[in-house]
N, C-alpha and C. Protein backbone atom coordinates (compact mmCIF):
# COMPACT_ATOMS: atom_id res chain seq x y z
N MET A 1 0.86 -1.23 0.09
CA MET A 1 0.02 0.01 0.00
C MET A 1 0.93 1.29 0.02
N LEU A 2 1.80 1.39 0.92
CA LEU A 2 2.75 2.49 1.08
C LEU A 2 3.50 2.62 -0.27
N GLY A 3 4.01 1.53 -0.68
CA GLY A 3 4.91 1.63 -2.00
C GLY A 3 4.18 2.03 -3.16
N VAL A 4 2.85 1.66 -3.29
CA VAL A 4 1.96 1.95 -4.39
C VAL A 4 1.73 3.41 -4.48
N VAL A 5 1.34 3.97 -3.39
CA VAL A 5 1.07 5.46 -3.21
C VAL A 5 2.28 6.23 -3.46
N VAL A 6 3.38 5.88 -2.81
CA VAL A 6 4.59 6.71 -2.99
C VAL A 6 5.12 6.60 -4.55
N THR A 7 5.01 5.39 -5.08
CA THR A 7 5.45 5.22 -6.58
C THR A 7 4.67 6.07 -7.38
N GLU A 8 3.30 5.94 -7.27
CA GLU A 8 2.33 6.79 -8.09
C GLU A 8 2.67 8.36 -7.90
N ALA A 9 2.85 8.78 -6.61
CA ALA A 9 3.19 10.20 -6.40
C ALA A 9 4.45 10.69 -7.07
N LEU A 10 5.39 9.94 -6.91
CA LEU A 10 6.60 10.15 -7.54
C LEU A 10 6.67 10.24 -9.09
N TYR A 11 5.85 9.28 -9.47
CA TYR A 11 5.83 9.28 -11.07
C TYR A 11 4.97 10.58 -11.50
N ARG A 12 3.95 10.96 -10.91
CA ARG A 12 3.18 12.05 -11.22
C ARG A 12 3.87 13.28 -11.09
N THR A 13 4.65 13.46 -9.98
CA THR A 13 5.40 14.67 -9.59
C THR A 13 6.62 14.76 -10.60
N HIS A 14 7.30 13.66 -11.06
CA HIS A 14 8.40 13.81 -11.73
C HIS A 14 8.34 12.90 -13.00
N PRO A 15 7.55 13.17 -13.89
CA PRO A 15 7.38 12.26 -14.99
C PRO A 15 8.38 12.20 -16.08
N ASP A 16 9.38 13.02 -15.93
CA ASP A 16 10.55 13.11 -16.90
C ASP A 16 11.72 12.28 -16.45
N LEU A 17 11.61 11.81 -15.21
CA LEU A 17 12.78 11.08 -14.59
C LEU A 17 12.83 9.75 -15.14
N SER A 18 13.95 9.24 -15.15
CA SER A 18 14.29 7.78 -15.77
C SER A 18 13.58 6.76 -14.75
N GLU A 19 13.47 5.50 -15.18
CA GLU A 19 12.92 4.52 -14.22
C GLU A 19 13.83 4.19 -13.18
N GLY A 20 15.34 4.29 -13.39
CA GLY A 20 16.26 4.15 -12.47
C GLY A 20 16.20 5.24 -11.25
N ARG A 21 16.07 6.43 -11.85
CA ARG A 21 16.11 7.49 -10.79
C ARG A 21 14.89 7.48 -9.98
N LEU A 22 13.69 7.24 -10.62
CA LEU A 22 12.52 7.08 -9.80
C LEU A 22 12.60 5.93 -8.81
N ALA A 23 13.34 4.92 -9.20
CA ALA A 23 13.49 3.78 -8.21
C ALA A 23 14.26 4.29 -7.02
N LYS A 24 15.28 5.12 -7.28
CA LYS A 24 16.16 5.54 -6.27
C LYS A 24 15.36 6.53 -5.21
N LEU A 25 14.54 7.38 -5.83
CA LEU A 25 13.62 8.23 -4.87
C LEU A 25 12.73 7.35 -4.13
N ARG A 26 12.13 6.28 -4.80
CA ARG A 26 11.33 5.43 -3.98
C ARG A 26 12.01 4.83 -2.84
N ALA A 27 13.31 4.14 -3.13
CA ALA A 27 14.05 3.57 -2.03
C ALA A 27 14.33 4.55 -0.95
N ALA A 28 14.49 5.78 -1.16
CA ALA A 28 14.90 6.68 -0.27
C ALA A 28 13.78 7.02 0.70
N VAL A 29 12.59 6.70 0.24
CA VAL A 29 11.32 7.08 1.01
C VAL A 29 10.81 5.78 1.68
N VAL A 30 10.68 4.68 0.99
CA VAL A 30 10.11 3.38 1.56
C VAL A 30 11.34 2.76 2.20
N ASN A 31 11.88 2.91 3.23
CA ASN A 31 12.91 2.15 3.87
C ASN A 31 12.71 2.22 5.28
N ALA A 32 13.37 1.25 5.96
CA ALA A 32 13.05 1.24 7.52
C ALA A 32 13.40 2.43 8.18
N ARG A 33 14.51 3.08 7.83
CA ARG A 33 15.06 4.34 8.49
C ARG A 33 14.08 5.36 8.35
N ALA A 34 13.66 5.73 7.11
CA ALA A 34 12.74 6.72 6.87
C ALA A 34 11.24 6.33 7.58
N LEU A 35 10.94 5.26 7.70
CA LEU A 35 9.61 5.00 8.40
C LEU A 35 9.65 5.15 9.78
N ALA A 36 10.87 4.82 10.38
CA ALA A 36 11.03 4.98 11.78
C ALA A 36 11.28 6.50 12.10
N ASP A 37 11.71 7.27 11.18
CA ASP A 37 11.70 8.68 11.43
C ASP A 37 10.41 9.26 11.42
N VAL A 38 9.40 8.66 10.61
CA VAL A 38 8.12 9.19 10.50
C VAL A 38 7.38 8.70 11.82
N ALA A 39 7.68 7.69 12.29
CA ALA A 39 7.11 7.07 13.62
C ALA A 39 7.51 8.07 14.74
N ARG A 40 8.82 8.33 14.86
CA ARG A 40 9.30 9.31 15.90
C ARG A 40 8.59 10.60 15.78
N ALA A 41 8.46 11.08 14.53
CA ALA A 41 7.93 12.47 14.35
C ALA A 41 6.47 12.57 14.84
N ILE A 42 5.68 11.46 14.88
CA ILE A 42 4.43 11.52 15.26
C ILE A 42 4.07 10.86 16.68
N GLY A 43 5.32 10.48 17.31
CA GLY A 43 5.22 9.86 18.66
C GLY A 43 4.65 8.48 18.71
N LEU A 44 4.69 7.74 17.67
CA LEU A 44 4.04 6.44 17.66
C LEU A 44 4.50 5.50 18.65
N GLY A 45 5.87 5.64 19.00
CA GLY A 45 6.56 4.75 19.86
C GLY A 45 5.83 4.62 21.23
N THR A 46 5.30 5.61 21.63
CA THR A 46 4.61 5.74 22.98
C THR A 46 3.44 4.91 23.09
N HIS A 47 2.85 4.59 21.84
CA HIS A 47 1.54 3.85 21.84
C HIS A 47 1.77 2.37 21.54
N VAL A 48 2.94 1.97 21.38
CA VAL A 48 3.21 0.54 21.04
C VAL A 48 3.27 -0.32 22.19
N LYS A 49 2.48 -1.40 22.22
CA LYS A 49 2.47 -2.36 23.28
C LYS A 49 3.69 -3.45 23.17
N LEU A 50 4.45 -3.35 24.12
CA LEU A 50 5.73 -4.11 24.04
C LEU A 50 5.69 -5.15 25.15
N GLY A 51 6.47 -6.25 24.88
CA GLY A 51 6.81 -7.19 25.92
C GLY A 51 7.76 -6.69 26.86
N ARG A 52 7.98 -7.32 28.10
CA ARG A 52 8.80 -6.94 29.08
C ARG A 52 10.25 -6.67 28.58
N GLY A 53 10.68 -7.81 27.89
CA GLY A 53 12.01 -7.69 27.29
C GLY A 53 12.37 -6.66 26.31
N GLU A 54 11.56 -6.30 25.23
CA GLU A 54 11.72 -5.25 24.43
C GLU A 54 11.60 -3.89 25.17
N GLU A 55 10.67 -3.92 26.13
CA GLU A 55 10.61 -2.57 26.90
C GLU A 55 11.81 -2.24 27.55
N SER A 56 12.50 -3.36 28.31
CA SER A 56 13.57 -3.02 29.07
C SER A 56 14.82 -2.78 28.23
N THR A 57 14.87 -3.05 26.87
CA THR A 57 15.99 -2.88 26.03
C THR A 57 15.76 -1.59 24.99
N GLY A 58 14.82 -0.85 25.34
CA GLY A 58 14.69 0.43 24.59
C GLY A 58 13.88 0.17 23.28
N GLY A 59 12.92 -0.79 23.26
CA GLY A 59 12.23 -1.16 22.01
C GLY A 59 11.61 -0.02 21.41
N ARG A 60 11.00 0.85 22.22
CA ARG A 60 10.30 2.01 21.68
C ARG A 60 11.19 2.91 20.73
N GLU A 61 12.30 2.78 20.89
CA GLU A 61 13.16 3.67 19.85
C GLU A 61 13.95 2.71 18.91
N LYS A 62 13.53 1.47 18.71
CA LYS A 62 14.29 0.62 17.76
C LYS A 62 13.60 0.91 16.41
N ALA A 63 14.46 1.24 15.48
CA ALA A 63 13.99 1.49 14.05
C ALA A 63 13.10 0.44 13.54
N SER A 64 13.57 -0.75 13.82
CA SER A 64 12.76 -1.98 13.23
C SER A 64 11.39 -2.02 13.65
N ILE A 65 11.24 -1.97 15.00
CA ILE A 65 9.89 -1.86 15.55
C ILE A 65 9.04 -0.64 15.03
N LEU A 66 9.66 0.52 15.15
CA LEU A 66 8.98 1.72 14.62
C LEU A 66 8.48 1.66 13.22
N SER A 67 9.40 1.12 12.33
CA SER A 67 9.10 1.10 10.97
C SER A 67 7.96 -0.02 10.68
N ASP A 68 8.00 -1.16 11.36
CA ASP A 68 7.02 -2.18 11.29
C ASP A 68 5.68 -1.57 11.69
N THR A 69 5.64 -0.75 12.72
CA THR A 69 4.47 -0.29 13.31
C THR A 69 3.78 0.87 12.44
N VAL A 70 4.53 1.62 11.75
CA VAL A 70 4.07 2.54 10.72
C VAL A 70 3.29 1.71 9.48
N GLU A 71 4.03 0.70 9.19
CA GLU A 71 3.33 -0.14 8.09
C GLU A 71 2.18 -0.93 8.49
N ALA A 72 2.16 -1.23 9.88
CA ALA A 72 1.01 -1.89 10.40
C ALA A 72 -0.24 -0.75 10.43
N VAL A 73 0.16 0.42 10.77
CA VAL A 73 -0.97 1.37 11.04
C VAL A 73 -1.47 1.78 9.61
N ILE A 74 -0.66 1.98 8.60
CA ILE A 74 -1.14 2.09 7.17
C ILE A 74 -2.13 1.07 6.71
N GLY A 75 -1.59 -0.19 6.96
CA GLY A 75 -2.42 -1.31 6.64
C GLY A 75 -3.66 -1.53 7.24
N ALA A 76 -3.83 -1.06 8.57
CA ALA A 76 -5.01 -1.02 9.31
C ALA A 76 -6.02 0.13 8.81
N VAL A 77 -5.34 1.20 8.41
CA VAL A 77 -6.25 2.31 7.84
C VAL A 77 -6.76 1.86 6.61
N HIS A 78 -5.88 1.08 5.72
CA HIS A 78 -6.42 0.64 4.35
C HIS A 78 -7.53 -0.26 4.53
N LEU A 79 -7.38 -1.23 5.53
CA LEU A 79 -8.38 -2.29 5.67
C LEU A 79 -9.86 -1.62 6.15
N SER A 80 -9.64 -0.61 6.98
CA SER A 80 -10.89 -0.02 7.62
C SER A 80 -11.46 1.06 6.69
N GLY A 81 -10.63 1.75 5.99
CA GLY A 81 -11.13 2.93 5.25
C GLY A 81 -10.95 2.91 3.89
N GLY A 82 -10.23 1.93 3.33
CA GLY A 82 -10.05 1.79 1.83
C GLY A 82 -8.86 2.57 1.37
N PHE A 83 -8.65 2.38 0.06
CA PHE A 83 -7.47 3.04 -0.58
C PHE A 83 -7.39 4.35 -0.39
N GLU A 84 -8.45 5.11 -0.78
CA GLU A 84 -8.39 6.61 -0.70
C GLU A 84 -8.11 7.21 0.66
N VAL A 85 -8.72 6.55 1.70
CA VAL A 85 -8.51 7.20 2.97
C VAL A 85 -7.00 6.80 3.29
N SER A 86 -6.43 5.70 3.03
CA SER A 86 -5.08 5.33 3.37
C SER A 86 -4.03 6.09 2.59
N ALA A 87 -4.48 6.47 1.40
CA ALA A 87 -3.48 7.27 0.45
C ALA A 87 -3.43 8.65 1.10
N VAL A 88 -4.56 9.18 1.84
CA VAL A 88 -4.46 10.59 2.27
C VAL A 88 -3.48 10.61 3.51
N VAL A 89 -3.62 9.30 4.23
CA VAL A 89 -2.62 9.29 5.57
C VAL A 89 -1.25 9.15 4.88
N VAL A 90 -0.99 8.48 3.87
CA VAL A 90 0.46 8.20 3.38
C VAL A 90 0.93 9.63 2.86
N HIS A 91 0.13 10.40 2.11
CA HIS A 91 0.60 11.60 1.72
C HIS A 91 0.77 12.62 2.85
N ARG A 92 0.02 12.51 3.81
CA ARG A 92 0.21 13.60 4.95
C ARG A 92 1.60 13.07 5.71
N LEU A 93 1.88 11.88 5.74
CA LEU A 93 2.98 11.45 6.45
C LEU A 93 4.39 11.43 5.52
N PHE A 94 4.15 11.32 4.39
CA PHE A 94 5.45 10.99 3.45
C PHE A 94 5.64 12.04 2.42
N ASP A 95 4.78 12.93 2.26
CA ASP A 95 5.09 13.99 1.18
C ASP A 95 6.44 14.78 1.37
N PRO A 96 6.51 15.21 2.63
CA PRO A 96 7.84 15.79 3.03
C PRO A 96 8.99 15.09 2.73
N LEU A 97 9.01 13.73 2.94
CA LEU A 97 10.04 12.82 2.59
C LEU A 97 10.32 12.85 1.10
N MET A 98 9.26 12.86 0.33
CA MET A 98 9.37 12.71 -1.10
C MET A 98 9.93 13.96 -1.73
N GLU A 99 9.50 15.17 -1.08
CA GLU A 99 10.18 16.44 -1.63
C GLU A 99 11.55 16.42 -1.19
N ALA A 100 11.96 16.09 0.06
CA ALA A 100 13.37 16.05 0.40
C ALA A 100 14.20 15.13 -0.47
N ALA A 101 13.66 13.82 -0.72
CA ALA A 101 14.46 12.96 -1.47
C ALA A 101 14.62 13.50 -2.97
N ALA A 102 13.74 14.17 -3.49
CA ALA A 102 13.96 14.74 -4.87
C ALA A 102 15.00 15.91 -4.69
N ALA A 103 15.01 16.71 -3.54
CA ALA A 103 15.90 17.78 -3.62
C ALA A 103 17.45 17.39 -3.28
N MET A 104 17.51 16.06 -2.59
CA MET A 104 18.71 15.70 -2.31
C MET A 104 19.59 15.18 -3.43
N GLY A 105 18.88 14.50 -4.39
CA GLY A 105 19.59 13.83 -5.43
C GLY A 105 19.49 12.30 -5.18
N ALA A 106 20.40 11.80 -4.33
CA ALA A 106 20.32 10.28 -4.12
C ALA A 106 19.21 10.05 -3.18
N GLY A 107 18.70 10.91 -2.42
CA GLY A 107 17.54 10.76 -1.48
C GLY A 107 18.10 10.64 -0.14
N LEU A 108 17.19 10.00 0.77
CA LEU A 108 17.66 10.06 2.13
C LEU A 108 18.59 8.96 2.42
N ASP A 109 19.03 8.27 1.50
CA ASP A 109 20.11 7.30 1.81
C ASP A 109 21.38 8.01 1.74
N TRP A 110 21.80 8.40 2.85
CA TRP A 110 23.08 9.34 2.94
C TRP A 110 24.35 8.59 2.70
N LYS A 111 24.26 7.23 2.91
CA LYS A 111 25.46 6.65 2.38
C LYS A 111 25.67 6.67 0.81
N THR A 112 24.60 6.39 0.21
CA THR A 112 24.73 6.58 -1.20
C THR A 112 24.93 7.91 -1.76
N SER A 113 24.35 8.92 -1.03
CA SER A 113 24.69 10.36 -1.44
C SER A 113 26.15 10.65 -1.24
N LEU A 114 26.73 10.16 -0.12
CA LEU A 114 28.16 10.45 0.29
C LEU A 114 28.94 9.78 -0.78
N GLN A 115 28.63 8.64 -1.14
CA GLN A 115 29.49 7.77 -2.01
C GLN A 115 29.52 8.41 -3.53
N GLU A 116 28.30 9.03 -3.80
CA GLU A 116 28.19 9.60 -5.22
C GLU A 116 28.96 10.93 -5.26
N LEU A 117 28.88 11.57 -3.93
CA LEU A 117 29.78 12.99 -3.90
C LEU A 117 31.15 12.80 -3.85
N ALA A 118 31.57 11.61 -3.22
CA ALA A 118 33.01 11.46 -3.11
C ALA A 118 33.55 10.99 -4.48
N ALA A 119 32.71 10.39 -5.39
CA ALA A 119 33.08 10.00 -6.63
C ALA A 119 33.14 11.21 -7.49
N GLU A 120 32.35 12.11 -7.46
CA GLU A 120 32.38 13.36 -8.12
C GLU A 120 33.69 14.27 -7.90
N ARG A 121 34.07 14.15 -6.49
CA ARG A 121 35.18 14.98 -6.08
C ARG A 121 36.51 14.12 -6.13
N GLY A 122 36.48 12.84 -6.65
CA GLY A 122 37.74 12.33 -6.57
C GLY A 122 38.32 11.83 -5.29
N LEU A 123 37.44 11.59 -4.36
CA LEU A 123 37.77 11.27 -2.95
C LEU A 123 37.95 9.78 -2.45
N GLY A 124 37.54 9.07 -3.51
CA GLY A 124 37.56 7.56 -3.22
C GLY A 124 36.31 7.14 -2.74
N VAL A 125 36.26 5.77 -2.39
CA VAL A 125 35.06 5.16 -1.93
C VAL A 125 34.95 5.25 -0.37
N PRO A 126 33.97 5.74 0.21
CA PRO A 126 33.94 5.86 1.78
C PRO A 126 33.76 4.37 2.45
N ASP A 127 34.43 4.35 3.48
CA ASP A 127 34.05 3.25 4.44
C ASP A 127 33.88 3.79 5.79
N TYR A 128 33.65 3.17 6.83
CA TYR A 128 33.12 3.56 8.16
C TYR A 128 33.97 2.90 9.32
N VAL A 129 34.34 3.82 10.16
CA VAL A 129 35.18 3.42 11.42
C VAL A 129 34.00 3.49 12.58
N ILE A 130 33.85 2.39 13.12
CA ILE A 130 32.79 2.00 14.07
C ILE A 130 33.33 1.78 15.36
N GLU A 131 32.66 2.39 16.45
CA GLU A 131 33.00 1.99 17.91
C GLU A 131 31.72 1.70 18.58
N ASP A 132 31.85 0.90 19.63
CA ASP A 132 30.55 0.74 20.39
C ASP A 132 30.75 0.85 21.79
N GLU A 133 29.72 1.13 22.70
CA GLU A 133 29.88 1.21 24.02
C GLU A 133 28.55 0.73 24.58
N GLY A 134 28.71 0.33 25.97
CA GLY A 134 27.44 -0.10 26.59
C GLY A 134 27.22 -1.56 26.64
N PRO A 135 26.42 -2.22 27.46
CA PRO A 135 26.18 -3.51 27.60
C PRO A 135 25.59 -4.15 26.33
N ASP A 136 25.61 -5.46 25.95
CA ASP A 136 25.10 -5.99 24.73
C ASP A 136 23.64 -5.69 24.39
N HIS A 137 22.76 -5.52 25.43
CA HIS A 137 21.51 -5.20 25.16
C HIS A 137 21.07 -3.81 25.08
N MET A 138 22.12 -2.98 25.26
CA MET A 138 21.88 -1.56 25.21
C MET A 138 23.04 -0.77 24.48
N LYS A 139 23.66 -1.36 23.53
CA LYS A 139 24.87 -0.78 22.93
C LYS A 139 24.46 0.50 22.12
N THR A 140 25.46 1.41 22.16
CA THR A 140 25.34 2.67 21.51
C THR A 140 26.52 2.56 20.47
N PHE A 141 26.30 2.66 19.22
CA PHE A 141 27.44 2.71 18.04
C PHE A 141 27.67 4.13 17.66
N THR A 142 29.02 4.40 17.39
CA THR A 142 29.45 5.64 16.89
C THR A 142 30.19 5.43 15.68
N ALA A 143 30.02 6.04 14.65
CA ALA A 143 30.55 5.90 13.21
C ALA A 143 31.22 7.23 12.86
N ARG A 144 32.21 7.12 12.05
CA ARG A 144 32.86 8.14 11.20
C ARG A 144 33.15 7.63 9.87
N ALA A 145 32.91 8.55 8.94
CA ALA A 145 33.12 8.20 7.46
C ALA A 145 34.62 8.44 7.16
N ARG A 146 35.31 7.54 6.45
CA ARG A 146 36.68 7.63 6.12
C ARG A 146 36.74 7.66 4.61
N LEU A 147 37.41 8.74 4.23
CA LEU A 147 37.75 8.86 2.77
C LEU A 147 39.27 9.06 2.69
N GLY A 148 39.85 8.00 2.09
CA GLY A 148 41.35 7.92 2.11
C GLY A 148 41.87 7.88 3.47
N GLU A 149 42.62 8.88 3.88
CA GLU A 149 43.07 8.83 5.31
C GLU A 149 42.33 9.94 6.10
N SER A 150 41.28 10.52 5.61
CA SER A 150 40.60 11.41 6.45
C SER A 150 39.29 10.87 6.86
N LEU A 151 39.12 11.43 8.11
CA LEU A 151 37.83 11.11 8.81
C LEU A 151 36.88 12.19 8.81
N HIS A 152 35.63 11.98 8.43
CA HIS A 152 34.65 13.10 8.34
C HIS A 152 33.32 12.62 9.01
N GLY A 153 32.58 13.65 9.44
CA GLY A 153 31.34 13.38 10.07
C GLY A 153 31.44 12.78 11.31
N HIS A 154 30.17 12.55 11.84
CA HIS A 154 30.01 11.74 13.13
C HIS A 154 28.59 11.36 13.24
N GLY A 155 28.33 10.10 13.58
CA GLY A 155 27.05 9.70 13.80
C GLY A 155 26.89 8.67 14.86
N THR A 156 25.73 8.59 15.59
CA THR A 156 25.55 7.72 16.67
C THR A 156 24.14 6.95 16.47
N GLY A 157 23.98 5.84 16.99
CA GLY A 157 22.74 5.17 16.90
C GLY A 157 22.62 3.92 17.57
N ARG A 158 21.57 3.20 17.72
CA ARG A 158 21.37 2.02 18.38
C ARG A 158 21.84 0.83 17.59
N SER A 159 22.03 1.05 16.44
CA SER A 159 22.64 0.07 15.45
C SER A 159 23.67 0.45 14.45
N LYS A 160 24.67 -0.32 14.07
CA LYS A 160 25.63 0.14 13.19
C LYS A 160 25.10 0.82 11.85
N LYS A 161 24.03 0.33 11.33
CA LYS A 161 23.36 1.05 10.07
C LYS A 161 22.93 2.44 10.46
N GLU A 162 22.39 2.63 11.66
CA GLU A 162 21.82 3.87 11.85
C GLU A 162 23.07 4.89 12.15
N ALA A 163 24.11 4.36 12.83
CA ALA A 163 25.26 5.28 13.05
C ALA A 163 26.00 5.66 11.83
N GLU A 164 26.17 4.63 10.88
CA GLU A 164 26.85 4.94 9.61
C GLU A 164 25.97 5.88 8.89
N GLN A 165 24.59 5.97 8.83
CA GLN A 165 23.82 6.75 8.04
C GLN A 165 24.12 8.22 8.57
N GLY A 166 24.14 8.30 9.91
CA GLY A 166 24.28 9.62 10.61
C GLY A 166 25.68 10.28 10.26
N ALA A 167 26.85 9.31 10.30
CA ALA A 167 28.08 9.87 9.89
C ALA A 167 28.19 10.20 8.40
N ALA A 168 27.46 9.47 7.61
CA ALA A 168 27.45 9.83 6.12
C ALA A 168 26.61 11.22 5.95
N GLU A 169 25.69 11.31 6.60
CA GLU A 169 24.98 12.73 6.47
C GLU A 169 25.86 13.74 6.94
N SER A 170 26.46 13.60 8.17
CA SER A 170 27.32 14.68 8.51
C SER A 170 28.50 14.91 7.75
N ALA A 171 29.12 13.83 7.11
CA ALA A 171 30.26 14.07 6.32
C ALA A 171 29.85 14.82 4.94
N TYR A 172 28.70 14.39 4.40
CA TYR A 172 28.25 14.87 3.12
C TYR A 172 27.97 16.46 3.27
N ARG A 173 27.38 16.79 4.50
CA ARG A 173 27.15 18.36 4.79
C ARG A 173 28.46 18.97 4.88
N GLU A 174 29.37 18.28 5.60
CA GLU A 174 30.68 18.89 5.93
C GLU A 174 31.42 19.20 4.58
N ILE A 175 31.46 18.33 3.70
CA ILE A 175 32.17 18.47 2.42
C ILE A 175 31.65 19.40 1.62
N VAL A 176 30.19 19.41 1.40
CA VAL A 176 29.55 20.34 0.69
C VAL A 176 29.57 21.87 1.35
N ALA A 177 29.69 21.89 2.56
CA ALA A 177 29.82 23.28 3.19
C ALA A 177 31.24 23.84 3.01
N ALA A 178 32.20 22.89 3.00
CA ALA A 178 33.63 23.28 2.66
C ALA A 178 33.77 23.78 1.29
N ALA A 179 33.09 23.29 0.40
CA ALA A 179 33.24 23.53 -1.17
C ALA A 179 32.54 24.81 -1.31
N GLY A 180 31.33 24.92 -0.67
CA GLY A 180 30.52 26.14 -0.83
C GLY A 180 31.20 27.49 -0.16
N ALA A 181 32.13 27.16 0.65
CA ALA A 181 32.79 28.39 1.37
C ALA A 181 33.94 28.75 0.53
N GLY A 182 34.21 27.84 -0.66
CA GLY A 182 35.31 28.20 -1.47
C GLY A 182 36.55 27.47 -1.12
N SER A 183 36.51 26.54 -0.11
CA SER A 183 37.67 26.02 0.28
C SER A 183 37.50 24.42 0.52
N ALA A 184 38.24 23.69 -0.09
CA ALA A 184 38.14 22.23 0.33
C ALA A 184 39.48 21.74 1.16
N GLU A 185 40.01 22.68 1.83
CA GLU A 185 41.06 22.54 2.66
C GLU A 185 40.75 21.38 3.68
N GLY A 186 41.60 20.45 3.79
CA GLY A 186 41.52 19.25 4.81
C GLY A 186 40.76 18.22 4.21
N VAL A 187 39.99 18.38 3.01
CA VAL A 187 39.23 17.09 2.48
C VAL A 187 40.12 16.40 1.63
N GLY A 188 40.38 15.03 2.04
CA GLY A 188 41.17 14.28 1.27
C GLY A 188 42.59 14.29 1.69
N ASP A 189 43.18 15.08 2.58
CA ASP A 189 44.58 15.10 2.92
C ASP A 189 45.08 14.53 4.02
N GLY A 190 44.09 13.61 4.67
CA GLY A 190 44.57 12.79 5.66
C GLY A 190 44.31 13.44 7.12
N ARG A 191 43.64 14.67 7.04
CA ARG A 191 43.38 15.27 8.46
C ARG A 191 41.96 15.12 8.86
N ASP A 192 41.80 15.06 10.21
CA ASP A 192 40.40 15.10 10.74
C ASP A 192 39.82 16.46 10.58
N THR A 193 38.69 16.51 9.80
CA THR A 193 37.97 17.86 9.40
C THR A 193 36.69 18.07 10.14
N THR A 194 36.38 17.29 11.12
CA THR A 194 34.99 17.62 11.69
C THR A 194 35.16 18.81 12.34
N PRO A 195 34.24 19.83 12.07
CA PRO A 195 34.27 21.09 12.67
C PRO A 195 33.83 21.18 14.19
N SER A 196 34.36 21.89 14.87
CA SER A 196 33.91 22.06 16.40
C SER A 196 32.62 22.65 16.44
N PRO A 197 31.75 22.17 17.29
CA PRO A 197 30.44 22.83 17.33
C PRO A 197 30.46 24.19 17.93
N ALA A 198 29.47 25.00 17.35
CA ALA A 198 29.54 26.34 18.00
C ALA A 198 28.79 26.39 19.13
N PRO A 199 29.35 27.06 20.15
CA PRO A 199 28.54 27.04 21.52
C PRO A 199 27.09 27.63 21.45
N ASP A 200 26.23 27.06 22.15
CA ASP A 200 24.84 27.48 22.28
C ASP A 200 24.15 27.60 20.85
N SER A 201 24.57 26.72 19.88
CA SER A 201 23.90 26.86 18.58
C SER A 201 23.22 25.36 18.21
N ALA A 202 22.17 25.34 17.72
CA ALA A 202 21.55 24.09 17.43
C ALA A 202 22.12 23.76 16.06
N PRO A 203 22.28 22.29 15.91
CA PRO A 203 22.82 21.85 14.78
C PRO A 203 21.75 21.92 13.59
N ASP A 204 22.25 22.19 12.48
CA ASP A 204 21.37 22.21 11.15
C ASP A 204 20.68 21.00 11.02
N SER A 205 19.38 21.05 11.07
CA SER A 205 18.68 19.88 10.78
C SER A 205 18.62 19.41 9.65
N ALA A 206 18.47 17.99 9.47
CA ALA A 206 18.74 17.32 8.28
C ALA A 206 17.21 17.17 7.48
N ALA A 207 17.15 16.88 6.10
CA ALA A 207 16.00 16.53 5.62
C ALA A 207 15.56 15.37 6.46
N PRO A 208 14.10 15.22 6.62
CA PRO A 208 13.61 14.26 7.45
C PRO A 208 14.24 12.75 7.37
N ASP A 209 15.33 10.99 8.46
CA ASP A 209 16.05 10.14 8.75
C ASP A 209 15.84 10.38 9.56
N SER A 210 15.77 11.64 9.97
CA SER A 210 16.20 11.68 10.81
C SER A 210 15.30 12.15 11.32
N ALA A 211 14.29 10.17 8.97
CA ALA A 211 13.73 10.33 9.49
C ALA A 211 13.50 10.01 9.70
N ALA A 212 16.42 8.88 8.89
CA ALA A 212 16.86 8.60 8.45
C ALA A 212 17.04 8.24 7.92
N SER A 213 19.27 4.60 8.47
CA SER A 213 19.92 4.37 7.75
C SER A 213 19.80 4.48 8.48
């Protein structure tokens, strides 16, 4: 149901795009990370009934549980109200993601976006340096994107995938910002280029991952 509505909307909005490009946009919207971001945005996790084990291990914030719940809610709306009603719900929740995906290029898959950007700039293929901390049932993962000998960006998450997506997003924005300022100094030269956060300033919010990977 979700895939059908998103595919139709993207086709109608971008009729001149190739099939491959449309497939990329669809994949950027219909994926577990994006669905989990939608769930967080509407506070869906607080309404999920969990077993004691999942409750104790932070299940209300797990991307897999949140994304499955969004799909279940959309399915329930479809069964009770029909296609038109469920399509309205899908558009209300996912239109911002579709707009952001079209604006970004590769979409909300920040790892793909970073890989394409790195290829354009001749920076090589990114990989990720990952660390973890905490007990096995409550691990927090930290990731940084590595291009050549340089480390870029910073991401954290409850899974390696989520941390890597965050690092890719941060690195992407960092490299683009450096180029936009007319200076790519530090990019690809082996130095750690993560900027120091400005005091008392909120980070620039991403297009909805985060709504994330």
